[in-house]
PDB file of N, CA and C in Angstrom:
ATOM      1  N   MET A   1     -15.022  -5.398 -12.310  1.00  0.00           N
ATOM      2  CA  MET A   1     -14.919  -6.844 -12.261  1.00  0.00           C
ATOM      3  C   MET A   1     -16.328  -7.420 -12.243  1.00  0.00           C
ATOM      4  N   ASN A   2     -16.541  -8.500 -12.971  1.00  0.00           N
ATOM      5  CA  ASN A   2     -17.885  -9.063 -13.039  1.00  0.00           C
ATOM      6  C   ASN A   2     -18.260  -9.779 -11.740  1.00  0.00           C
ATOM      7  N   ILE A   3     -19.540  -9.956 -11.537  1.00  0.00           N
ATOM      8  CA  ILE A   3     -20.062 -10.537 -10.297  1.00  0.00           C
ATOM      9  C   ILE A   3     -19.580 -11.969 -10.091  1.00  0.00           C
ATOM     10  N   GLU A   4     -19.415 -12.720 -11.176  1.00  0.00           N
ATOM     11  CA  GLU A   4     -18.950 -14.100 -11.054  1.00  0.00           C
ATOM     12  C   GLU A   4     -17.532 -14.142 -10.489  1.00  0.00           C
ATOM     13  N   MET A   5     -16.668 -13.251 -10.990  1.00  0.00           N
ATOM     14  CA  MET A   5     -15.290 -13.218 -10.498  1.00  0.00           C
ATOM     15  C   MET A   5     -15.247 -12.736  -9.062  1.00  0.00           C
ATOM     16  N   LYS A   6     -16.027 -11.730  -8.746  1.00  0.00           N
ATOM     17  CA  LYS A   6     -16.103 -11.243  -7.368  1.00  0.00           C
ATOM     18  C   LYS A   6     -16.496 -12.384  -6.432  1.00  0.00           C
ATOM     19  N   ASN A   7     -17.536 -13.118  -6.786  1.00  0.00           N
ATOM     20  CA  ASN A   7     -18.001 -14.226  -5.956  1.00  0.00           C
ATOM     21  C   ASN A   7     -16.968 -15.342  -5.865  1.00  0.00           C
ATOM     22  N   LYS A   8     -16.250 -15.599  -6.964  1.00  0.00           N
ATOM     23  CA  LYS A   8     -15.209 -16.630  -6.966  1.00  0.00           C
ATOM     24  C   LYS A   8     -14.082 -16.237  -6.008  1.00  0.00           C
ATOM     25  N   ILE A   9     -13.665 -14.988  -6.035  1.00  0.00           N
ATOM     26  CA  ILE A   9     -12.611 -14.509  -5.135  1.00  0.00           C
ATOM     27  C   ILE A   9     -13.040 -14.681  -3.680  1.00  0.00           C
ATOM     28  N   ILE A  10     -14.257 -14.270  -3.359  1.00  0.00           N
ATOM     29  CA  ILE A  10     -14.769 -14.386  -1.993  1.00  0.00           C
ATOM     30  C   ILE A  10     -14.824 -15.849  -1.565  1.00  0.00           C
ATOM     31  N   LYS A  11     -15.309 -16.710  -2.456  1.00  0.00           N
ATOM     32  CA  LYS A  11     -15.431 -18.140  -2.148  1.00  0.00           C
ATOM     33  C   LYS A  11     -14.064 -18.780  -1.917  1.00  0.00           C
ATOM     34  N   ILE A  12     -13.119 -18.513  -2.796  1.00  0.00           N
ATOM     35  CA  ILE A  12     -11.791 -19.118  -2.662  1.00  0.00           C
ATOM     36  C   ILE A  12     -11.095 -18.614  -1.407  1.00  0.00           C
ATOM     37  N   CYS A  13     -11.211 -17.339  -1.124  1.00  0.00           N
ATOM     38  CA  CYS A  13     -10.627 -16.806   0.110  1.00  0.00           C
ATOM     39  C   CYS A  13     -11.237 -17.487   1.330  1.00  0.00           C
ATOM     40  N   ALA A  14     -12.542 -17.628   1.349  1.00  0.00           N
ATOM     41  CA  ALA A  14     -13.224 -18.277   2.482  1.00  0.00           C
ATOM     42  C   ALA A  14     -12.762 -19.722   2.644  1.00  0.00           C
ATOM     43  N   GLU A  15     -12.625 -20.438   1.533  1.00  0.00           N
ATOM     44  CA  GLU A  15     -12.155 -21.832   1.588  1.00  0.00           C
ATOM     45  C   GLU A  15     -10.732 -21.917   2.128  1.00  0.00           C
ATOM     46  N   LYS A  16      -9.849 -21.042   1.658  1.00  0.00           N
ATOM     47  CA  LYS A  16      -8.456 -21.037   2.126  1.00  0.00           C
ATOM     48  C   LYS A  16      -8.395 -20.722   3.615  1.00  0.00           C
ATOM     49  N   ILE A  17      -9.181 -19.748   4.059  1.00  0.00           N
ATOM     50  CA  ILE A  17      -9.210 -19.372   5.470  1.00  0.00           C
ATOM     51  C   ILE A  17      -9.708 -20.533   6.312  1.00  0.00           C
ATOM     52  N   GLU A  18     -10.761 -21.198   5.837  1.00  0.00           N
ATOM     53  CA  GLU A  18     -11.322 -22.326   6.581  1.00  0.00           C
ATOM     54  C   GLU A  18     -10.313 -23.468   6.699  1.00  0.00           C
ATOM     55  N   LYS A  19      -9.599 -23.754   5.614  1.00  0.00           N
ATOM     56  CA  LYS A  19      -8.655 -24.880   5.610  1.00  0.00           C
ATOM     57  C   LYS A  19      -7.345 -24.572   6.325  1.00  0.00           C
ATOM     58  N   LYS A  20      -6.844 -23.328   6.186  1.00  0.00           N
ATOM     59  CA  LYS A  20      -5.492 -23.033   6.664  1.00  0.00           C
ATOM     60  C   LYS A  20      -5.420 -21.957   7.739  1.00  0.00           C
ATOM     61  N   GLY A  21      -6.547 -21.394   8.117  1.00  0.00           N
ATOM     62  CA  GLY A  21      -6.566 -20.397   9.181  1.00  0.00           C
ATOM     63  C   GLY A  21      -6.535 -18.966   8.672  1.00  0.00           C
ATOM     64  N   SER A  22      -6.749 -18.043   9.576  1.00  0.00           N
ATOM     65  CA  SER A  22      -6.920 -16.635   9.218  1.00  0.00           C
ATOM     66  C   SER A  22      -5.630 -15.958   8.772  1.00  0.00           C
ATOM     67  N   ASN A  23      -4.505 -16.614   8.926  1.00  0.00           N
ATOM     68  CA  ASN A  23      -3.229 -16.016   8.545  1.00  0.00           C
ATOM     69  C   ASN A  23      -2.765 -16.445   7.146  1.00  0.00           C
ATOM     70  N   VAL A  24      -3.587 -17.215   6.450  1.00  0.00           N
ATOM     71  CA  VAL A  24      -3.189 -17.742   5.142  1.00  0.00           C
ATOM     72  C   VAL A  24      -3.085 -16.621   4.109  1.00  0.00           C
ATOM     73  N   GLY A  25      -2.075 -16.741   3.252  1.00  0.00           N
ATOM     74  CA  GLY A  25      -1.893 -15.778   2.179  1.00  0.00           C
ATOM     75  C   GLY A  25      -2.117 -16.432   0.830  1.00  0.00           C
ATOM     76  N   LEU A  26      -2.348 -15.607  -0.169  1.00  0.00           N
ATOM     77  CA  LEU A  26      -2.504 -16.110  -1.529  1.00  0.00           C
ATOM     78  C   LEU A  26      -2.169 -15.020  -2.534  1.00  0.00           C
ATOM     79  N   SER A  27      -2.011 -15.427  -3.779  1.00  0.00           N
ATOM     80  CA  SER A  27      -1.772 -14.465  -4.859  1.00  0.00           C
ATOM     81  C   SER A  27      -2.995 -14.460  -5.763  1.00  0.00           C
ATOM     82  N   PHE A  28      -3.053 -13.521  -6.701  1.00  0.00           N
ATOM     83  CA  PHE A  28      -4.218 -13.472  -7.579  1.00  0.00           C
ATOM     84  C   PHE A  28      -4.282 -14.680  -8.505  1.00  0.00           C
ATOM     85  N   TYR A  29      -3.191 -15.398  -8.650  1.00  0.00           N
ATOM     86  CA  TYR A  29      -3.207 -16.624  -9.455  1.00  0.00           C
ATOM     87  C   TYR A  29      -4.076 -17.716  -8.817  1.00  0.00           C
ATOM     88  N   ALA A  30      -4.369 -17.593  -7.537  1.00  0.00           N
ATOM     89  CA  ALA A  30      -5.194 -18.593  -6.841  1.00  0.00           C
ATOM     90  C   ALA A  30      -6.605 -18.681  -7.423  1.00  0.00           C
ATOM     91  N   PHE A  31      -7.005 -17.682  -8.175  1.00  0.00           N
ATOM     92  CA  PHE A  31      -8.365 -17.636  -8.704  1.00  0.00           C
ATOM     93  C   PHE A  31      -8.466 -18.162 -10.135  1.00  0.00           C
ATOM     94  N   PHE A  32      -7.353 -18.669 -10.655  1.00  0.00           N
ATOM     95  CA  PHE A  32      -7.306 -19.112 -12.051  1.00  0.00           C
ATOM     96  C   PHE A  32      -6.709 -20.502 -12.156  1.00  0.00           C
ATOM     97  N   ALA A  33      -7.073 -21.190 -13.242  1.00  0.00           N
ATOM     98  CA  ALA A  33      -6.487 -22.497 -13.541  1.00  0.00           C
ATOM     99  C   ALA A  33      -5.022 -22.291 -13.928  1.00  0.00           C
ATOM    100  N   ASN A  34      -4.295 -23.358 -14.019  1.00  0.00           N
ATOM    101  CA  ASN A  34      -2.877 -23.269 -14.371  1.00  0.00           C
ATOM    102  C   ASN A  34      -2.637 -23.017 -15.850  1.00  0.00           C
ATOM    103  N   LYS A  35      -3.678 -22.692 -16.575  1.00  0.00           N
ATOM    104  CA  LYS A  35      -3.495 -22.319 -17.971  1.00  0.00           C
ATOM    105  C   LYS A  35      -4.207 -20.996 -18.210  1.00  0.00           C
ATOM    106  N   ASN A  36      -3.710 -20.266 -19.142  1.00  0.00           N
ATOM    107  CA  ASN A  36      -4.212 -18.928 -19.412  1.00  0.00           C
ATOM    108  C   ASN A  36      -5.371 -18.999 -20.411  1.00  0.00           C
ATOM    109  N   ASP A  37      -6.531 -19.415 -19.932  1.00  0.00           N
ATOM    110  CA  ASP A  37      -7.684 -19.585 -20.820  1.00  0.00           C
ATOM    111  C   ASP A  37      -8.586 -18.352 -20.884  1.00  0.00           C
ATOM    112  N   ASP A  38      -8.310 -17.338 -20.053  1.00  0.00           N
ATOM    113  CA  ASP A  38      -9.076 -16.094 -20.087  1.00  0.00           C
ATOM    114  C   ASP A  38      -8.149 -14.922 -19.774  1.00  0.00           C
ATOM    115  N   PRO A  39      -7.275 -14.566 -20.730  1.00  0.00           N
ATOM    116  CA  PRO A  39      -6.287 -13.519 -20.453  1.00  0.00           C
ATOM    117  C   PRO A  39      -6.899 -12.165 -20.101  1.00  0.00           C
ATOM    118  N   LYS A  40      -8.052 -11.842 -20.666  1.00  0.00           N
ATOM    119  CA  LYS A  40      -8.692 -10.555 -20.359  1.00  0.00           C
ATOM    120  C   LYS A  40      -9.091 -10.486 -18.879  1.00  0.00           C
ATOM    121  N   LEU A  41      -9.702 -11.551 -18.379  1.00  0.00           N
ATOM    122  CA  LEU A  41     -10.106 -11.587 -16.977  1.00  0.00           C
ATOM    123  C   LEU A  41      -8.888 -11.628 -16.060  1.00  0.00           C
ATOM    124  N   LEU A  42      -7.868 -12.370 -16.447  1.00  0.00           N
ATOM    125  CA  LEU A  42      -6.636 -12.419 -15.666  1.00  0.00           C
ATOM    126  C   LEU A  42      -6.039 -11.016 -15.520  1.00  0.00           C
ATOM    127  N   MET A  43      -5.990 -10.266 -16.618  1.00  0.00           N
ATOM    128  CA  MET A  43      -5.454  -8.907 -16.564  1.00  0.00           C
ATOM    129  C   MET A  43      -6.351  -7.980 -15.745  1.00  0.00           C
ATOM    130  N   GLU A  44      -7.643  -8.198 -15.806  1.00  0.00           N
ATOM    131  CA  GLU A  44      -8.571  -7.388 -15.013  1.00  0.00           C
ATOM    132  C   GLU A  44      -8.322  -7.584 -13.520  1.00  0.00           C
ATOM    133  N   VAL A  45      -8.158  -8.843 -13.112  1.00  0.00           N
ATOM    134  CA  VAL A  45      -7.899  -9.132 -11.696  1.00  0.00           C
ATOM    135  C   VAL A  45      -6.502  -8.646 -11.307  1.00  0.00           C
ATOM    136  N   ALA A  46      -5.517  -8.832 -12.183  1.00  0.00           N
ATOM    137  CA  ALA A  46      -4.160  -8.358 -11.908  1.00  0.00           C
ATOM    138  C   ALA A  46      -4.148  -6.840 -11.745  1.00  0.00           C
ATOM    139  N   THR A  47      -4.882  -6.134 -12.583  1.00  0.00           N
ATOM    140  CA  THR A  47      -4.960  -4.675 -12.487  1.00  0.00           C
ATOM    141  C   THR A  47      -5.612  -4.268 -11.169  1.00  0.00           C
ATOM    142  N   TRP A  48      -6.693  -4.924 -10.811  1.00  0.00           N
ATOM    143  CA  TRP A  48      -7.372  -4.654  -9.541  1.00  0.00           C
ATOM    144  C   TRP A  48      -6.417  -4.887  -8.372  1.00  0.00           C
ATOM    145  N   TRP A  49      -5.648  -5.967  -8.440  1.00  0.00           N
ATOM    146  CA  TRP A  49      -4.734  -6.366  -7.370  1.00  0.00           C
ATOM    147  C   TRP A  49      -3.529  -5.429  -7.289  1.00  0.00           C
ATOM    148  N   ILE A  50      -2.886  -5.194  -8.446  1.00  0.00           N
ATOM    149  CA  ILE A  50      -1.604  -4.485  -8.476  1.00  0.00           C
ATOM    150  C   ILE A  50      -1.769  -2.973  -8.599  1.00  0.00           C
ATOM    151  N   LYS A  51      -2.518  -2.524  -9.585  1.00  0.00           N
ATOM    152  CA  LYS A  51      -2.632  -1.081  -9.818  1.00  0.00           C
ATOM    153  C   LYS A  51      -3.615  -0.409  -8.865  1.00  0.00           C
ATOM    154  N   THR A  52      -4.788  -0.984  -8.715  1.00  0.00           N
ATOM    155  CA  THR A  52      -5.828  -0.351  -7.906  1.00  0.00           C
ATOM    156  C   THR A  52      -5.482  -0.360  -6.422  1.00  0.00           C
ATOM    157  N   HIS A  53      -5.067  -1.536  -5.916  1.00  0.00           N
ATOM    158  CA  HIS A  53      -4.841  -1.668  -4.473  1.00  0.00           C
ATOM    159  C   HIS A  53      -3.375  -1.719  -4.081  1.00  0.00           C
ATOM    160  N   LYS A  54      -2.481  -1.765  -5.074  1.00  0.00           N
ATOM    161  CA  LYS A  54      -1.037  -1.788  -4.824  1.00  0.00           C
ATOM    162  C   LYS A  54      -0.643  -2.879  -3.828  1.00  0.00           C
ATOM    163  N   LEU A  55      -1.198  -4.066  -4.051  1.00  0.00           N
ATOM    164  CA  LEU A  55      -0.945  -5.195  -3.165  1.00  0.00           C
ATOM    165  C   LEU A  55       0.350  -5.902  -3.541  1.00  0.00           C
ATOM    166  N   ASP A  56       0.946  -6.571  -2.564  1.00  0.00           N
ATOM    167  CA  ASP A  56       2.120  -7.398  -2.805  1.00  0.00           C
ATOM    168  C   ASP A  56       1.699  -8.671  -3.529  1.00  0.00           C
ATOM    169  N   HIS A  57       2.698  -9.439  -3.962  1.00  0.00           N
ATOM    170  CA  HIS A  57       2.393 -10.678  -4.681  1.00  0.00           C
ATOM    171  C   HIS A  57       1.518 -11.599  -3.822  1.00  0.00           C
ATOM    172  N   PHE A  58       1.890 -11.791  -2.566  1.00  0.00           N
ATOM    173  CA  PHE A  58       1.079 -12.580  -1.641  1.00  0.00           C
ATOM    174  C   PHE A  58       0.469 -11.648  -0.611  1.00  0.00           C
ATOM    175  N   GLU A  59      -0.813 -11.840  -0.379  1.00  0.00           N
ATOM    176  CA  GLU A  59      -1.554 -11.055   0.613  1.00  0.00           C
ATOM    177  C   GLU A  59      -2.425 -11.991   1.441  1.00  0.00           C
ATOM    178  N   LYS A  60      -2.830 -11.531   2.591  1.00  0.00           N
ATOM    179  CA  LYS A  60      -3.700 -12.323   3.459  1.00  0.00           C
ATOM    180  C   LYS A  60      -5.067 -12.494   2.800  1.00  0.00           C
ATOM    181  N   ALA A  61      -5.579 -13.703   2.856  1.00  0.00           N
ATOM    182  CA  ALA A  61      -6.881 -13.999   2.261  1.00  0.00           C
ATOM    183  C   ALA A  61      -7.988 -13.155   2.897  1.00  0.00           C
ATOM    184  N   LEU A  62      -7.880 -12.891   4.194  1.00  0.00           N
ATOM    185  CA  LEU A  62      -8.885 -12.053   4.861  1.00  0.00           C
ATOM    186  C   LEU A  62      -8.947 -10.660   4.232  1.00  0.00           C
ATOM    187  N   LYS A  63      -7.800 -10.096   3.943  1.00  0.00           N
ATOM    188  CA  LYS A  63      -7.731  -8.763   3.337  1.00  0.00           C
ATOM    189  C   LYS A  63      -8.345  -8.774   1.940  1.00  0.00           C
ATOM    190  N   ILE A  64      -8.022  -9.782   1.145  1.00  0.00           N
ATOM    191  CA  ILE A  64      -8.538  -9.877  -0.219  1.00  0.00           C
ATOM    192  C   ILE A  64     -10.045 -10.089  -0.201  1.00  0.00           C
ATOM    193  N   LYS A  65     -10.510 -10.935   0.692  1.00  0.00           N
ATOM    194  CA  LYS A  65     -11.956 -11.181   0.805  1.00  0.00           C
ATOM    195  C   LYS A  65     -12.690  -9.889   1.138  1.00  0.00           C
ATOM    196  N   LYS A  66     -12.151  -9.126   2.073  1.00  0.00           N
ATOM    197  CA  LYS A  66     -12.773  -7.853   2.461  1.00  0.00           C
ATOM    198  C   LYS A  66     -12.816  -6.879   1.279  1.00  0.00           C
ATOM    199  N   LEU A  67     -11.703  -6.770   0.547  1.00  0.00           N
ATOM    200  CA  LEU A  67     -11.660  -5.882  -0.622  1.00  0.00           C
ATOM    201  C   LEU A  67     -12.664  -6.319  -1.684  1.00  0.00           C
ATOM    202  N   ALA A  68     -12.756  -7.618  -1.923  1.00  0.00           N
ATOM    203  CA  ALA A  68     -13.685  -8.131  -2.935  1.00  0.00           C
ATOM    204  C   ALA A  68     -15.135  -7.879  -2.525  1.00  0.00           C
ATOM    205  N   MET A  69     -15.422  -8.005  -1.245  1.00  0.00           N
ATOM    206  CA  MET A  69     -16.790  -7.775  -0.790  1.00  0.00           C
ATOM    207  C   MET A  69     -17.213  -6.322  -0.959  1.00  0.00           C
ATOM    208  N   GLN A  70     -16.258  -5.419  -1.058  1.00  0.00           N
ATOM    209  CA  GLN A  70     -16.554  -3.998  -1.247  1.00  0.00           C
ATOM    210  C   GLN A  70     -16.774  -3.639  -2.703  1.00  0.00           C
ATOM    211  N   LEU A  71     -16.483  -4.572  -3.610  1.00  0.00           N
ATOM    212  CA  LEU A  71     -16.664  -4.299  -5.046  1.00  0.00           C
ATOM    213  C   LEU A  71     -18.135  -4.124  -5.396  1.00  0.00           C
ATOM    214  N   ASN A  72     -18.409  -3.202  -6.272  1.00  0.00           N
ATOM    215  CA  ASN A  72     -19.767  -3.001  -6.774  1.00  0.00           C
ATOM    216  C   ASN A  72     -19.899  -3.661  -8.128  1.00  0.00           C
ATOM    217  N   ALA A  73     -19.968  -4.967  -8.110  1.00  0.00           N
ATOM    218  CA  ALA A  73     -20.059  -5.703  -9.389  1.00  0.00           C
ATOM    219  C   ALA A  73     -21.493  -6.090  -9.666  1.00  0.00           C
TER     220      ALA A  73
END
């Protein structure tokens, strides 16, 4: 995953946690606009979410932020 996407995931997770608390959940769609303008990147994040980490549709933002921070992008 590229560094821009890694940073975007971390930023969005941090914003969600700040606004809604440490128990807030989100899906990988939270990192994309409501239109499919970058299908390659969407599939890359979906693969990271579903295949690599075997995550559920909704996961805690804290967990996702931690996983993203471990990425070597």
